[in-house]
Amino acid sequence: MVAFTVKTELVNLAVTVEGETVTQIELHGRAGRKPRTAFEKRVAKQLGEYARGKRSRFTFAIRPHGTKFQRAVWNRLKQIPYGRTRTYGEIAKTVGNPGAARAVGVANHQNPIPLV
């Protein structure tokens, strides 16, 4: 795993990658170095465009580490259209566990790639 810092107008981000896959984006983070590889620079460019309101979708691969339930919740979060919202209860229903609204909230809080 390698981490680098992306400075945006909104917040500094510490981005962790494994190969050419993003595994974590930490808000208000610092990783001690700038992006070096072509992949890291592409990720930094897209995150900067997002922060400036010029991008609503990302083209880089992600693989957040978490439980099966957390990954199911995070996959549903990615499907919410840009600028739209869903309740934790709505998400719980779509992952097949309608009584798990609070667990969805916890999974959302633990999302290691919140911007994406």
PDB file of N, CA and C in Angstrom:
ATOM      1  N   MET A   1       0.839  -1.178   0.000  1.00  0.00           N
ATOM      2  CA  MET A   1       0.000   0.000   0.000  1.00  0.00           C
ATOM      3  C   MET A   1       0.883   1.240   0.000  1.00  0.00           C
ATOM      4  N   VAL A   2       0.432   2.230  -0.733  1.00  0.00           N
ATOM      5  CA  VAL A   2       1.134   3.503  -0.846  1.00  0.00           C
ATOM      6  C   VAL A   2       0.115   4.607  -0.625  1.00  0.00           C
ATOM      7  N   ALA A   3       0.525   5.654   0.077  1.00  0.00           N
ATOM      8  CA  ALA A   3      -0.381   6.782   0.311  1.00  0.00           C
ATOM      9  C   ALA A   3       0.265   8.068  -0.175  1.00  0.00           C
ATOM     10  N   PHE A   4      -0.573   8.970  -0.659  1.00  0.00           N
ATOM     11  CA  PHE A   4      -0.112  10.281  -1.110  1.00  0.00           C
ATOM     12  C   PHE A   4      -1.163  11.315  -0.760  1.00  0.00           C
ATOM     13  N   THR A   5      -0.740  12.572  -0.726  1.00  0.00           N
ATOM     14  CA  THR A   5      -1.633  13.667  -0.367  1.00  0.00           C
ATOM     15  C   THR A   5      -2.135  14.364  -1.627  1.00  0.00           C
ATOM     16  N   VAL A   6      -3.430  14.677  -1.617  1.00  0.00           N
ATOM     17  CA  VAL A   6      -4.035  15.487  -2.673  1.00  0.00           C
ATOM     18  C   VAL A   6      -4.570  16.745  -1.987  1.00  0.00           C
ATOM     19  N   LYS A   7      -4.048  17.885  -2.379  1.00  0.00           N
ATOM     20  CA  LYS A   7      -4.521  19.152  -1.810  1.00  0.00           C
ATOM     21  C   LYS A   7      -5.594  19.706  -2.735  1.00  0.00           C
ATOM     22  N   THR A   8      -6.782  19.968  -2.177  1.00  0.00           N
ATOM     23  CA  THR A   8      -7.859  20.569  -2.949  1.00  0.00           C
ATOM     24  C   THR A   8      -8.280  21.867  -2.263  1.00  0.00           C
ATOM     25  N   GLU A   9      -9.133  22.619  -2.934  1.00  0.00           N
ATOM     26  CA  GLU A   9      -9.631  23.866  -2.366  1.00  0.00           C
ATOM     27  C   GLU A   9     -10.491  23.613  -1.135  1.00  0.00           C
ATOM     28  N   LEU A  10     -11.092  22.444  -1.067  1.00  0.00           N
ATOM     29  CA  LEU A  10     -11.985  22.127   0.042  1.00  0.00           C
ATOM     30  C   LEU A  10     -11.271  21.508   1.231  1.00  0.00           C
ATOM     31  N   VAL A  11     -10.381  20.539   0.960  1.00  0.00           N
ATOM     32  CA  VAL A  11      -9.786  19.755   2.032  1.00  0.00           C
ATOM     33  C   VAL A  11      -8.574  19.002   1.491  1.00  0.00           C
ATOM     34  N   ASN A  12      -7.608  18.738   2.361  1.00  0.00           N
ATOM     35  CA  ASN A  12      -6.511  17.859   1.990  1.00  0.00           C
ATOM     36  C   ASN A  12      -6.972  16.416   2.144  1.00  0.00           C
ATOM     37  N   LEU A  13      -6.563  15.584   1.199  1.00  0.00           N
ATOM     38  CA  LEU A  13      -6.953  14.182   1.202  1.00  0.00           C
ATOM     39  C   LEU A  13      -5.712  13.307   1.253  1.00  0.00           C
ATOM     40  N   ALA A  14      -5.748  12.269   2.069  1.00  0.00           N
ATOM     41  CA  ALA A  14      -4.709  11.244   2.047  1.00  0.00           C
ATOM     42  C   ALA A  14      -5.311  10.056   1.299  1.00  0.00           C
ATOM     43  N   VAL A  15      -4.717   9.715   0.178  1.00  0.00           N
ATOM     44  CA  VAL A  15      -5.237   8.659  -0.690  1.00  0.00           C
ATOM     45  C   VAL A  15      -4.316   7.453  -0.589  1.00  0.00           C
ATOM     46  N   THR A  16      -4.889   6.290  -0.278  1.00  0.00           N
ATOM     47  CA  THR A  16      -4.123   5.049  -0.210  1.00  0.00           C
ATOM     48  C   THR A  16      -4.485   4.194  -1.407  1.00  0.00           C
ATOM     49  N   VAL A  17      -3.453   3.655  -2.049  1.00  0.00           N
ATOM     50  CA  VAL A  17      -3.669   2.797  -3.217  1.00  0.00           C
ATOM     51  C   VAL A  17      -2.915   1.486  -3.046  1.00  0.00           C
ATOM     52  N   GLU A  18      -3.452   0.464  -3.672  1.00  0.00           N
ATOM     53  CA  GLU A  18      -2.781  -0.822  -3.814  1.00  0.00           C
ATOM     54  C   GLU A  18      -2.708  -1.068  -5.309  1.00  0.00           C
ATOM     55  N   GLY A  19      -1.521  -0.995  -5.859  1.00  0.00           N
ATOM     56  CA  GLY A  19      -1.392  -1.100  -7.304  1.00  0.00           C
ATOM     57  C   GLY A  19      -2.090   0.074  -7.955  1.00  0.00           C
ATOM     58  N   GLU A  20      -3.062  -0.234  -8.812  1.00  0.00           N
ATOM     59  CA  GLU A  20      -3.839   0.828  -9.463  1.00  0.00           C
ATOM     60  C   GLU A  20      -5.291   0.790  -9.002  1.00  0.00           C
ATOM     61  N   THR A  21      -5.452   0.630  -7.692  1.00  0.00           N
ATOM     62  CA  THR A  21      -6.769   0.608  -7.077  1.00  0.00           C
ATOM     63  C   THR A  21      -6.742   1.461  -5.815  1.00  0.00           C
ATOM     64  N   VAL A  22      -7.714   2.344  -5.668  1.00  0.00           N
ATOM     65  CA  VAL A  22      -7.824   3.173  -4.470  1.00  0.00           C
ATOM     66  C   VAL A  22      -8.528   2.357  -3.391  1.00  0.00           C
ATOM     67  N   THR A  23      -7.919   2.316  -2.200  1.00  0.00           N
ATOM     68  CA  THR A  23      -8.513   1.569  -1.091  1.00  0.00           C
ATOM     69  C   THR A  23      -9.003   2.470   0.038  1.00  0.00           C
ATOM     70  N   GLN A  24      -8.520   3.723   0.071  1.00  0.00           N
ATOM     71  CA  GLN A  24      -8.952   4.631   1.131  1.00  0.00           C
ATOM     72  C   GLN A  24      -8.707   6.072   0.710  1.00  0.00           C
ATOM     73  N   ILE A  25      -9.637   6.953   1.095  1.00  0.00           N
ATOM     74  CA  ILE A  25      -9.464   8.399   0.940  1.00  0.00           C
ATOM     75  C   ILE A  25      -9.830   9.016   2.280  1.00  0.00           C
ATOM     76  N   GLU A  26      -8.831   9.562   2.944  1.00  0.00           N
ATOM     77  CA  GLU A  26      -9.042  10.137   4.265  1.00  0.00           C
ATOM     78  C   GLU A  26      -9.195  11.648   4.155  1.00  0.00           C
ATOM     79  N   LEU A  27     -10.340  12.167   4.601  1.00  0.00           N
ATOM     80  CA  LEU A  27     -10.572  13.607   4.610  1.00  0.00           C
ATOM     81  C   LEU A  27      -9.682  14.261   5.658  1.00  0.00           C
ATOM     82  N   HIS A  28      -9.157  15.425   5.365  1.00  0.00           N
ATOM     83  CA  HIS A  28      -8.256  16.162   6.260  1.00  0.00           C
ATOM     84  C   HIS A  28      -6.989  15.361   6.521  1.00  0.00           C
ATOM     85  N   GLY A  29      -6.591  14.560   5.547  1.00  0.00           N
ATOM     86  CA  GLY A  29      -5.428  13.696   5.742  1.00  0.00           C
ATOM     87  C   GLY A  29      -4.170  14.248   5.105  1.00  0.00           C
ATOM     88  N   ARG A  30      -3.054  13.714   5.559  1.00  0.00           N
ATOM     89  CA  ARG A  30      -1.744  14.019   4.987  1.00  0.00           C
ATOM     90  C   ARG A  30      -0.968  12.715   4.926  1.00  0.00           C
ATOM     91  N   ALA A  31      -0.357  12.485   3.791  1.00  0.00           N
ATOM     92  CA  ALA A  31       0.372  11.237   3.619  1.00  0.00           C
ATOM     93  C   ALA A  31       1.868  11.446   3.429  1.00  0.00           C
ATOM     94  N   GLY A  32       2.329  12.683   3.391  1.00  0.00           N
ATOM     95  CA  GLY A  32       3.745  12.930   3.350  1.00  0.00           C
ATOM     96  C   GLY A  32       4.394  13.004   1.980  1.00  0.00           C
ATOM     97  N   ARG A  33       3.644  12.697   0.937  1.00  0.00           N
ATOM     98  CA  ARG A  33       4.225  12.849  -0.397  1.00  0.00           C
ATOM     99  C   ARG A  33       3.148  13.170  -1.409  1.00  0.00           C
ATOM    100  N   LYS A  34       3.574  13.707  -2.537  1.00  0.00           N
ATOM    101  CA  LYS A  34       2.667  14.040  -3.630  1.00  0.00           C
ATOM    102  C   LYS A  34       2.469  12.811  -4.518  1.00  0.00           C
ATOM    103  N   PRO A  35       1.440  12.834  -5.370  1.00  0.00           N
ATOM    104  CA  PRO A  35       1.253  11.733  -6.322  1.00  0.00           C
ATOM    105  C   PRO A  35       2.475  11.626  -7.242  1.00  0.00           C
ATOM    106  N   ARG A  36       2.896  10.388  -7.520  1.00  0.00           N
ATOM    107  CA  ARG A  36       4.089  10.183  -8.355  1.00  0.00           C
ATOM    108  C   ARG A  36       3.783   9.459  -9.662  1.00  0.00           C
ATOM    109  N   THR A  37       3.042   8.381  -9.582  1.00  0.00           N
ATOM    110  CA  THR A  37       2.803   7.567 -10.773  1.00  0.00           C
ATOM    111  C   THR A  37       1.700   8.186 -11.628  1.00  0.00           C
ATOM    112  N   ALA A  38       1.599   7.714 -12.859  1.00  0.00           N
ATOM    113  CA  ALA A  38       0.534   8.201 -13.745  1.00  0.00           C
ATOM    114  C   ALA A  38      -0.837   7.935 -13.130  1.00  0.00           C
ATOM    115  N   PHE A  39      -1.008   6.766 -12.520  1.00  0.00           N
ATOM    116  CA  PHE A  39      -2.296   6.446 -11.885  1.00  0.00           C
ATOM    117  C   PHE A  39      -2.577   7.411 -10.735  1.00  0.00           C
ATOM    118  N   GLU A  40      -1.602   7.627  -9.870  1.00  0.00           N
ATOM    119  CA  GLU A  40      -1.793   8.527  -8.735  1.00  0.00           C
ATOM    120  C   GLU A  40      -2.130   9.937  -9.207  1.00  0.00           C
ATOM    121  N   LYS A  41      -1.471  10.393 -10.260  1.00  0.00           N
ATOM    122  CA  LYS A  41      -1.748  11.731 -10.797  1.00  0.00           C
ATOM    123  C   LYS A  41      -3.156  11.810 -11.390  1.00  0.00           C
ATOM    124  N   ARG A  42      -3.609  10.720 -12.016  1.00  0.00           N
ATOM    125  CA  ARG A  42      -4.974  10.701 -12.568  1.00  0.00           C
ATOM    126  C   ARG A  42      -5.997  10.770 -11.439  1.00  0.00           C
ATOM    127  N   VAL A  43      -5.762  10.006 -10.362  1.00  0.00           N
ATOM    128  CA  VAL A  43      -6.657  10.047  -9.198  1.00  0.00           C
ATOM    129  C   VAL A  43      -6.678  11.459  -8.615  1.00  0.00           C
ATOM    130  N   ALA A  44      -5.507  12.053  -8.432  1.00  0.00           N
ATOM    131  CA  ALA A  44      -5.425  13.409  -7.865  1.00  0.00           C
ATOM    132  C   ALA A  44      -6.152  14.416  -8.743  1.00  0.00           C
ATOM    133  N   LYS A  45      -5.992  14.294 -10.046  1.00  0.00           N
ATOM    134  CA  LYS A  45      -6.658  15.218 -10.981  1.00  0.00           C
ATOM    135  C   LYS A  45      -8.173  15.098 -10.848  1.00  0.00           C
ATOM    136  N   GLN A  46      -8.682  13.863 -10.816  1.00  0.00           N
ATOM    137  CA  GLN A  46     -10.129  13.672 -10.723  1.00  0.00           C
ATOM    138  C   GLN A  46     -10.678  14.167  -9.387  1.00  0.00           C
ATOM    139  N   LEU A  47      -9.949  13.934  -8.300  1.00  0.00           N
ATOM    140  CA  LEU A  47     -10.405  14.413  -6.996  1.00  0.00           C
ATOM    141  C   LEU A  47     -10.398  15.943  -6.955  1.00  0.00           C
ATOM    142  N   GLY A  48      -9.396  16.555  -7.561  1.00  0.00           N
ATOM    143  CA  GLY A  48      -9.353  18.016  -7.646  1.00  0.00           C
ATOM    144  C   GLY A  48     -10.514  18.571  -8.461  1.00  0.00           C
ATOM    145  N   GLU A  49     -10.825  17.909  -9.579  1.00  0.00           N
ATOM    146  CA  GLU A  49     -11.962  18.339 -10.401  1.00  0.00           C
ATOM    147  C   GLU A  49     -13.267  18.207  -9.622  1.00  0.00           C
ATOM    148  N   TYR A  50     -13.398  17.144  -8.857  1.00  0.00           N
ATOM    149  CA  TYR A  50     -14.602  16.953  -8.029  1.00  0.00           C
ATOM    150  C   TYR A  50     -14.725  18.102  -7.018  1.00  0.00           C
ATOM    151  N   ALA A  51     -13.620  18.434  -6.373  1.00  0.00           N
ATOM    152  CA  ALA A  51     -13.636  19.492  -5.360  1.00  0.00           C
ATOM    153  C   ALA A  51     -14.005  20.847  -5.965  1.00  0.00           C
ATOM    154  N   ARG A  52     -13.677  21.053  -7.247  1.00  0.00           N
ATOM    155  CA  ARG A  52     -14.015  22.313  -7.924  1.00  0.00           C
ATOM    156  C   ARG A  52     -15.386  22.268  -8.577  1.00  0.00           C
ATOM    157  N   GLY A  53     -16.123  21.181  -8.403  1.00  0.00           N
ATOM    158  CA  GLY A  53     -17.455  21.071  -8.996  1.00  0.00           C
ATOM    159  C   GLY A  53     -17.438  20.756 -10.471  1.00  0.00           C
ATOM    160  N   LYS A  54     -16.322  20.267 -10.985  1.00  0.00           N
ATOM    161  CA  LYS A  54     -16.178  19.981 -12.417  1.00  0.00           C
ATOM    162  C   LYS A  54     -16.342  18.499 -12.744  1.00  0.00           C
ATOM    163  N   ARG A  55     -16.549  17.660 -11.735  1.00  0.00           N
ATOM    164  CA  ARG A  55     -16.667  16.224 -11.958  1.00  0.00           C
ATOM    165  C   ARG A  55     -17.663  15.645 -10.963  1.00  0.00           C
ATOM    166  N   SER A  56     -18.480  14.703 -11.418  1.00  0.00           N
ATOM    167  CA  SER A  56     -19.430  14.026 -10.527  1.00  0.00           C
ATOM    168  C   SER A  56     -19.241  12.510 -10.536  1.00  0.00           C
ATOM    169  N   ARG A  57     -18.377  11.997 -11.420  1.00  0.00           N
ATOM    170  CA  ARG A  57     -18.103  10.559 -11.497  1.00  0.00           C
ATOM    171  C   ARG A  57     -16.601  10.345 -11.604  1.00  0.00           C
ATOM    172  N   PHE A  58     -16.150   9.201 -11.122  1.00  0.00           N
ATOM    173  CA  PHE A  58     -14.729   8.875 -11.149  1.00  0.00           C
ATOM    174  C   PHE A  58     -14.501   7.659 -12.045  1.00  0.00           C
ATOM    175  N   THR A  59     -13.322   7.601 -12.661  1.00  0.00           N
ATOM    176  CA  THR A  59     -13.029   6.494 -13.563  1.00  0.00           C
ATOM    177  C   THR A  59     -11.965   5.547 -13.016  1.00  0.00           C
ATOM    178  N   PHE A  60     -11.453   5.820 -11.822  1.00  0.00           N
ATOM    179  CA  PHE A  60     -10.441   4.933 -11.260  1.00  0.00           C
ATOM    180  C   PHE A  60     -11.096   3.817 -10.446  1.00  0.00           C
ATOM    181  N   ALA A  61     -10.370   2.702 -10.350  1.00  0.00           N
ATOM    182  CA  ALA A  61     -10.879   1.531  -9.617  1.00  0.00           C
ATOM    183  C   ALA A  61     -10.773   1.768  -8.116  1.00  0.00           C
ATOM    184  N   ILE A  62     -11.761   1.233  -7.395  1.00  0.00           N
ATOM    185  CA  ILE A  62     -11.737   1.297  -5.931  1.00  0.00           C
ATOM    186  C   ILE A  62     -11.963  -0.100  -5.367  1.00  0.00           C
ATOM    187  N   ARG A  63     -11.397  -0.337  -4.183  1.00  0.00           N
ATOM    188  CA  ARG A  63     -11.630  -1.585  -3.473  1.00  0.00           C
ATOM    189  C   ARG A  63     -11.487  -1.313  -1.971  1.00  0.00           C
ATOM    190  N   PRO A  64     -12.543  -0.804  -1.357  1.00  0.00           N
ATOM    191  CA  PRO A  64     -12.466  -0.545   0.082  1.00  0.00           C
ATOM    192  C   PRO A  64     -12.472  -1.862   0.861  1.00  0.00           C
ATOM    193  N   HIS A  65     -11.713  -1.887   1.942  1.00  0.00           N
ATOM    194  CA  HIS A  65     -11.669  -3.066   2.795  1.00  0.00           C
ATOM    195  C   HIS A  65     -12.782  -2.963   3.835  1.00  0.00           C
ATOM    196  N   GLY A  66     -13.580  -4.025   3.963  1.00  0.00           N
ATOM    197  CA  GLY A  66     -14.660  -4.047   4.940  1.00  0.00           C
ATOM    198  C   GLY A  66     -15.356  -5.388   4.927  1.00  0.00           C
ATOM    199  N   THR A  67     -16.372  -5.503   5.772  1.00  0.00           N
ATOM    200  CA  THR A  67     -17.146  -6.745   5.845  1.00  0.00           C
ATOM    201  C   THR A  67     -18.032  -6.872   4.604  1.00  0.00           C
ATOM    202  N   LYS A  68     -18.611  -8.023   4.448  1.00  0.00           N
ATOM    203  CA  LYS A  68     -19.523  -8.256   3.317  1.00  0.00           C
ATOM    204  C   LYS A  68     -20.688  -7.261   3.370  1.00  0.00           C
ATOM    205  N   PHE A  69     -21.254  -7.055   4.559  1.00  0.00           N
ATOM    206  CA  PHE A  69     -22.361  -6.113   4.712  1.00  0.00           C
ATOM    207  C   PHE A  69     -21.910  -4.692   4.376  1.00  0.00           C
ATOM    208  N   GLN A  70     -20.758  -4.274   4.905  1.00  0.00           N
ATOM    209  CA  GLN A  70     -20.266  -2.930   4.621  1.00  0.00           C
ATOM    210  C   GLN A  70     -20.065  -2.724   3.120  1.00  0.00           C
ATOM    211  N   ARG A  71     -19.454  -3.694   2.467  1.00  0.00           N
ATOM    212  CA  ARG A  71     -19.222  -3.561   1.027  1.00  0.00           C
ATOM    213  C   ARG A  71     -20.539  -3.484   0.255  1.00  0.00           C
ATOM    214  N   ALA A  72     -21.554  -4.235   0.703  1.00  0.00           N
ATOM    215  CA  ALA A  72     -22.873  -4.160   0.052  1.00  0.00           C
ATOM    216  C   ALA A  72     -23.456  -2.757   0.207  1.00  0.00           C
ATOM    217  N   VAL A  73     -23.346  -2.187   1.399  1.00  0.00           N
ATOM    218  CA  VAL A  73     -23.839  -0.824   1.637  1.00  0.00           C
ATOM    219  C   VAL A  73     -23.068   0.165   0.769  1.00  0.00           C
ATOM    220  N   TRP A  74     -21.742   0.058   0.755  1.00  0.00           N
ATOM    221  CA  TRP A  74     -20.927   1.002  -0.021  1.00  0.00           C
ATOM    222  C   TRP A  74     -21.224   0.890  -1.510  1.00  0.00           C
ATOM    223  N   ASN A  75     -21.483  -0.319  -1.988  1.00  0.00           N
ATOM    224  CA  ASN A  75     -21.853  -0.475  -3.403  1.00  0.00           C
ATOM    225  C   ASN A  75     -23.174   0.217  -3.700  1.00  0.00           C
ATOM    226  N   ARG A  76     -24.129   0.152  -2.776  1.00  0.00           N
ATOM    227  CA  ARG A  76     -25.408   0.860  -2.959  1.00  0.00           C
ATOM    228  C   ARG A  76     -25.197   2.369  -2.923  1.00  0.00           C
ATOM    229  N   LEU A  77     -24.317   2.827  -2.059  1.00  0.00           N
ATOM    230  CA  LEU A  77     -24.053   4.262  -1.985  1.00  0.00           C
ATOM    231  C   LEU A  77     -23.535   4.782  -3.327  1.00  0.00           C
ATOM    232  N   LYS A  78     -22.691   3.987  -3.993  1.00  0.00           N
ATOM    233  CA  LYS A  78     -22.157   4.403  -5.301  1.00  0.00           C
ATOM    234  C   LYS A  78     -23.254   4.542  -6.342  1.00  0.00           C
ATOM    235  N   GLN A  79     -24.370   3.873  -6.147  1.00  0.00           N
ATOM    236  CA  GLN A  79     -25.454   3.888  -7.126  1.00  0.00           C
ATOM    237  C   GLN A  79     -26.405   5.066  -6.951  1.00  0.00           C
ATOM    238  N   ILE A  80     -26.252   5.823  -5.883  1.00  0.00           N
ATOM    239  CA  ILE A  80     -27.104   6.994  -5.673  1.00  0.00           C
ATOM    240  C   ILE A  80     -26.658   8.074  -6.657  1.00  0.00           C
ATOM    241  N   PRO A  81     -27.559   8.589  -7.471  1.00  0.00           N
ATOM    242  CA  PRO A  81     -27.167   9.617  -8.441  1.00  0.00           C
ATOM    243  C   PRO A  81     -26.570  10.848  -7.766  1.00  0.00           C
ATOM    244  N   TYR A  82     -25.634  11.477  -8.450  1.00  0.00           N
ATOM    245  CA  TYR A  82     -24.983  12.685  -7.957  1.00  0.00           C
ATOM    246  C   TYR A  82     -26.044  13.718  -7.568  1.00  0.00           C
ATOM    247  N   GLY A  83     -25.891  14.286  -6.376  1.00  0.00           N
ATOM    248  CA  GLY A  83     -26.812  15.318  -5.908  1.00  0.00           C
ATOM    249  C   GLY A  83     -28.089  14.784  -5.301  1.00  0.00           C
ATOM    250  N   ARG A  84     -28.251  13.478  -5.230  1.00  0.00           N
ATOM    251  CA  ARG A  84     -29.459  12.864  -4.661  1.00  0.00           C
ATOM    252  C   ARG A  84     -29.127  12.234  -3.317  1.00  0.00           C
ATOM    253  N   THR A  85     -30.149  11.905  -2.550  1.00  0.00           N
ATOM    254  CA  THR A  85     -29.945  11.291  -1.240  1.00  0.00           C
ATOM    255  C   THR A  85     -30.832  10.064  -1.086  1.00  0.00           C
ATOM    256  N   ARG A  86     -30.491   9.239  -0.133  1.00  0.00           N
ATOM    257  CA  ARG A  86     -31.311   8.096   0.270  1.00  0.00           C
ATOM    258  C   ARG A  86     -31.230   7.996   1.792  1.00  0.00           C
ATOM    259  N   THR A  87     -32.284   7.507   2.414  1.00  0.00           N
ATOM    260  CA  THR A  87     -32.254   7.300   3.851  1.00  0.00           C
ATOM    261  C   THR A  87     -31.533   5.983   4.142  1.00  0.00           C
ATOM    262  N   TYR A  88     -31.072   5.855   5.372  1.00  0.00           N
ATOM    263  CA  TYR A  88     -30.441   4.592   5.771  1.00  0.00           C
ATOM    264  C   TYR A  88     -31.442   3.445   5.653  1.00  0.00           C
ATOM    265  N   GLY A  89     -32.705   3.713   5.953  1.00  0.00           N
ATOM    266  CA  GLY A  89     -33.737   2.686   5.826  1.00  0.00           C
ATOM    267  C   GLY A  89     -33.921   2.231   4.391  1.00  0.00           C
ATOM    268  N   GLU A  90     -33.892   3.175   3.451  1.00  0.00           N
ATOM    269  CA  GLU A  90     -34.004   2.819   2.029  1.00  0.00           C
ATOM    270  C   GLU A  90     -32.830   1.951   1.583  1.00  0.00           C
ATOM    271  N   ILE A  91     -31.643   2.323   2.032  1.00  0.00           N
ATOM    272  CA  ILE A  91     -30.465   1.532   1.669  1.00  0.00           C
ATOM    273  C   ILE A  91     -30.541   0.147   2.299  1.00  0.00           C
ATOM    274  N   ALA A  92     -30.977   0.070   3.553  1.00  0.00           N
ATOM    275  CA  ALA A  92     -31.097  -1.223   4.229  1.00  0.00           C
ATOM    276  C   ALA A  92     -32.012  -2.162   3.444  1.00  0.00           C
ATOM    277  N   LYS A  93     -33.112  -1.632   2.939  1.00  0.00           N
ATOM    278  CA  LYS A  93     -34.024  -2.460   2.136  1.00  0.00           C
ATOM    279  C   LYS A  93     -33.340  -2.968   0.877  1.00  0.00           C
ATOM    280  N   THR A  94     -32.568  -2.116   0.222  1.00  0.00           N
ATOM    281  CA  THR A  94     -31.952  -2.525  -1.041  1.00  0.00           C
ATOM    282  C   THR A  94     -30.833  -3.540  -0.854  1.00  0.00           C
ATOM    283  N   VAL A  95     -30.255  -3.626   0.344  1.00  0.00           N
ATOM    284  CA  VAL A  95     -29.235  -4.649   0.593  1.00  0.00           C
ATOM    285  C   VAL A  95     -29.845  -5.899   1.222  1.00  0.00           C
ATOM    286  N   GLY A  96     -31.168  -5.951   1.253  1.00  0.00           N
ATOM    287  CA  GLY A  96     -31.861  -7.151   1.715  1.00  0.00           C
ATOM    288  C   GLY A  96     -31.989  -7.288   3.214  1.00  0.00           C
ATOM    289  N   ASN A  97     -31.868  -6.186   3.947  1.00  0.00           N
ATOM    290  CA  ASN A  97     -31.969  -6.237   5.399  1.00  0.00           C
ATOM    291  C   ASN A  97     -32.734  -5.014   5.881  1.00  0.00           C
ATOM    292  N   PRO A  98     -34.068  -4.993   5.683  1.00  0.00           N
ATOM    293  CA  PRO A  98     -34.858  -3.785   5.952  1.00  0.00           C
ATOM    294  C   PRO A  98     -34.809  -3.275   7.390  1.00  0.00           C
ATOM    295  N   GLY A  99     -34.430  -4.093   8.338  1.00  0.00           N
ATOM    296  CA  GLY A  99     -34.356  -3.642   9.727  1.00  0.00           C
ATOM    297  C   GLY A  99     -32.986  -3.127  10.131  1.00  0.00           C
ATOM    298  N   ALA A 100     -32.101  -2.951   9.174  1.00  0.00           N
ATOM    299  CA  ALA A 100     -30.711  -2.630   9.498  1.00  0.00           C
ATOM    300  C   ALA A 100     -30.341  -1.172   9.228  1.00  0.00           C
ATOM    301  N   ALA A 101     -31.276  -0.260   9.390  1.00  0.00           N
ATOM    302  CA  ALA A 101     -30.988   1.145   9.105  1.00  0.00           C
ATOM    303  C   ALA A 101     -29.823   1.666   9.946  1.00  0.00           C
ATOM    304  N   ARG A 102     -29.783   1.316  11.219  1.00  0.00           N
ATOM    305  CA  ARG A 102     -28.681   1.792  12.074  1.00  0.00           C
ATOM    306  C   ARG A 102     -27.354   1.185  11.637  1.00  0.00           C
ATOM    307  N   ALA A 103     -27.370  -0.080  11.240  1.00  0.00           N
ATOM    308  CA  ALA A 103     -26.144  -0.729  10.761  1.00  0.00           C
ATOM    309  C   ALA A 103     -25.661  -0.076   9.466  1.00  0.00           C
ATOM    310  N   VAL A 104     -26.600   0.351   8.629  1.00  0.00           N
ATOM    311  CA  VAL A 104     -26.239   1.081   7.407  1.00  0.00           C
ATOM    312  C   VAL A 104     -25.565   2.402   7.791  1.00  0.00           C
ATOM    313  N   GLY A 105     -26.089   3.073   8.794  1.00  0.00           N
ATOM    314  CA  GLY A 105     -25.481   4.320   9.260  1.00  0.00           C
ATOM    315  C   GLY A 105     -24.055   4.097   9.751  1.00  0.00           C
ATOM    316  N   VAL A 106     -23.844   3.017  10.475  1.00  0.00           N
ATOM    317  CA  VAL A 106     -22.496   2.691  10.954  1.00  0.00           C
ATOM    318  C   VAL A 106     -21.578   2.382   9.775  1.00  0.00           C
ATOM    319  N   ALA A 107     -22.064   1.593   8.832  1.00  0.00           N
ATOM    320  CA  ALA A 107     -21.258   1.270   7.647  1.00  0.00           C
ATOM    321  C   ALA A 107     -20.920   2.541   6.869  1.00  0.00           C
ATOM    322  N   ASN A 108     -21.884   3.435   6.761  1.00  0.00           N
ATOM    323  CA  ASN A 108     -21.644   4.700   6.061  1.00  0.00           C
ATOM    324  C   ASN A 108     -20.571   5.511   6.783  1.00  0.00           C
ATOM    325  N   HIS A 109     -20.641   5.541   8.098  1.00  0.00           N
ATOM    326  CA  HIS A 109     -19.647   6.264   8.896  1.00  0.00           C
ATOM    327  C   HIS A 109     -18.245   5.663   8.725  1.00  0.00           C
ATOM    328  N   GLN A 110     -18.173   4.356   8.530  1.00  0.00           N
ATOM    329  CA  GLN A 110     -16.889   3.666   8.410  1.00  0.00           C
ATOM    330  C   GLN A 110     -16.400   3.551   6.965  1.00  0.00           C
ATOM    331  N   ASN A 111     -17.109   4.164   6.032  1.00  0.00           N
ATOM    332  CA  ASN A 111     -16.744   4.109   4.628  1.00  0.00           C
ATOM    333  C   ASN A 111     -15.344   4.702   4.421  1.00  0.00           C
ATOM    334  N   PRO A 112     -14.377   3.896   3.950  1.00  0.00           N
ATOM    335  CA  PRO A 112     -13.029   4.411   3.784  1.00  0.00           C
ATOM    336  C   PRO A 112     -12.827   5.243   2.513  1.00  0.00           C
ATOM    337  N   ILE A 113     -13.843   5.301   1.657  1.00  0.00           N
ATOM    338  CA  ILE A 113     -13.753   6.081   0.425  1.00  0.00           C
ATOM    339  C   ILE A 113     -15.015   6.949   0.294  1.00  0.00           C
ATOM    340  N   PRO A 114     -15.196   7.902   1.228  1.00  0.00           N
ATOM    341  CA  PRO A 114     -16.464   8.636   1.283  1.00  0.00           C
ATOM    342  C   PRO A 114     -16.776   9.491   0.062  1.00  0.00           C
ATOM    343  N   LEU A 115     -15.785  10.039  -0.592  1.00  0.00           N
ATOM    344  CA  LEU A 115     -16.074  10.902  -1.745  1.00  0.00           C
ATOM    345  C   LEU A 115     -16.556  10.119  -2.955  1.00  0.00           C
ATOM    346  N   VAL A 116     -16.079   8.921  -3.096  1.00  0.00           N
ATOM    347  CA  VAL A 116     -16.382   8.139  -4.280  1.00  0.00           C
ATOM    348  C   VAL A 116     -17.643   7.339  -4.063  1.00  0.00           C
TER     349      VAL A 116
END
